[in-house]
Amino acid sequence: MKQYVINLLDFIDGRRVVRRLVLFVTLWLTWRSFEWAAFFAETTTRSGIDVAAIIAAVTAPVSTLLAAVVKFYGDNRNAGS
């Protein structure tokens, strides 16, 4: 059993599964956030500046997270690690 777990962890590490999973989850999170922002903008009764501030408060951190994950993914991919 112990050797099976070690082989599984080596497989996951060798294929960079976690790195790819983080990238895809972050992409999905970004998609979902912007989808929510579009729905919110279409359905809200607030004024324009209020809507813009709320949408920016939600999507800016997610966009920053995506930029960091993509940079990390690209740097590690280019380094071959």
Protein backbone atom coordinates (compact mmCIF):
# COMPACT_ATOMS: atom_id res chain seq x y z
CA MET A 1 0.00 0.00 0.00
CA LYS A 2 2.80 2.40 0.91
CA GLN A 3 4.56 1.87 -2.43
CA TYR A 4 1.26 2.48 -4.25
CA VAL A 5 0.87 5.86 -2.53
CA ILE A 6 4.46 6.79 -3.33
CA ASN A 7 3.95 5.83 -6.99
CA LEU A 8 0.73 7.86 -7.13
CA LEU A 9 2.43 10.92 -5.64
CA ASP A 10 5.34 10.54 -8.08
CA PHE A 11 2.86 10.35 -10.95
CA ILE A 12 1.04 13.48 -9.78
CA ASP A 13 4.30 15.34 -9.26
CA GLY A 14 5.80 14.19 -12.55
CA ARG A 15 2.79 15.25 -14.60
CA ARG A 16 2.43 18.62 -12.84
CA VAL A 17 -1.20 17.79 -12.05
CA VAL A 18 -1.54 20.24 -9.16
CA ARG A 19 -0.13 23.14 -11.17
CA ARG A 20 -2.59 22.51 -13.99
CA LEU A 21 -5.47 22.01 -11.59
CA VAL A 22 -4.77 25.37 -9.94
CA LEU A 23 -4.69 27.04 -13.36
CA PHE A 24 -8.01 25.54 -14.47
CA VAL A 25 -9.77 26.24 -11.17
CA THR A 26 -8.60 29.86 -11.32
CA LEU A 27 -9.78 30.17 -14.92
CA TRP A 28 -13.17 28.79 -13.91
CA LEU A 29 -13.34 31.17 -10.94
CA THR A 30 -12.57 34.11 -13.23
CA TRP A 31 -15.22 33.02 -15.73
CA ARG A 32 -17.80 32.63 -12.96
CA SER A 33 -16.97 36.03 -11.45
CA PHE A 34 -17.37 37.86 -14.73
CA GLU A 35 -20.53 35.91 -15.50
CA TRP A 36 -21.91 37.04 -12.13
CA ALA A 37 -20.84 40.63 -12.85
CA ALA A 38 -22.72 40.62 -16.16
CA PHE A 39 -25.83 39.20 -14.51
CA PHE A 40 -25.58 41.74 -11.70
CA ALA A 41 -25.23 44.62 -14.15
CA GLU A 42 -28.28 43.46 -16.11
CA THR A 43 -30.56 42.96 -13.12
CA THR A 44 -29.64 45.61 -10.57
CA THR A 45 -31.61 48.77 -9.89
CA ARG A 46 -28.62 50.71 -8.55
CA SER A 47 -27.09 53.71 -10.30
CA GLY A 48 -24.17 53.39 -12.72
CA ILE A 49 -21.33 54.37 -10.40
CA ASP A 50 -22.57 52.02 -7.66
CA VAL A 51 -22.73 49.13 -10.11
CA ALA A 52 -19.24 49.89 -11.41
CA ALA A 53 -17.81 50.02 -7.89
CA ILE A 54 -19.42 46.72 -6.88
CA ILE A 55 -18.32 44.96 -10.05
CA ALA A 56 -14.77 46.29 -9.66
CA ALA A 57 -14.68 45.19 -6.02
CA VAL A 58 -15.60 41.65 -7.04
CA THR A 59 -13.66 41.19 -10.28
CA ALA A 60 -10.41 43.06 -9.52
CA PRO A 61 -9.10 40.57 -6.92
CA VAL A 62 -10.04 37.63 -9.12
CA SER A 63 -8.27 39.19 -12.10
CA THR A 64 -5.18 39.81 -9.98
CA LEU A 65 -5.24 36.21 -8.79
CA LEU A 66 -5.52 34.97 -12.38
CA ALA A 67 -2.58 37.13 -13.45
CA ALA A 68 -0.43 35.73 -10.64
CA VAL A 69 -1.39 32.11 -11.39
CA VAL A 70 -0.77 32.50 -15.13
CA LYS A 71 2.62 34.11 -14.45
CA PHE A 72 3.57 31.35 -12.02
CA TYR A 73 2.40 28.68 -14.46
CA GLY A 74 4.28 30.23 -17.37
CA ASP A 75 7.49 30.78 -15.41
CA ASN A 76 7.51 27.20 -14.16
CA ARG A 77 6.64 25.79 -17.55
CA ASN A 78 9.49 27.72 -19.21
CA ALA A 79 11.90 26.63 -16.49
CA GLY A 80 11.00 23.03 -17.20
CA SER A 81 10.21 22.22 -13.60
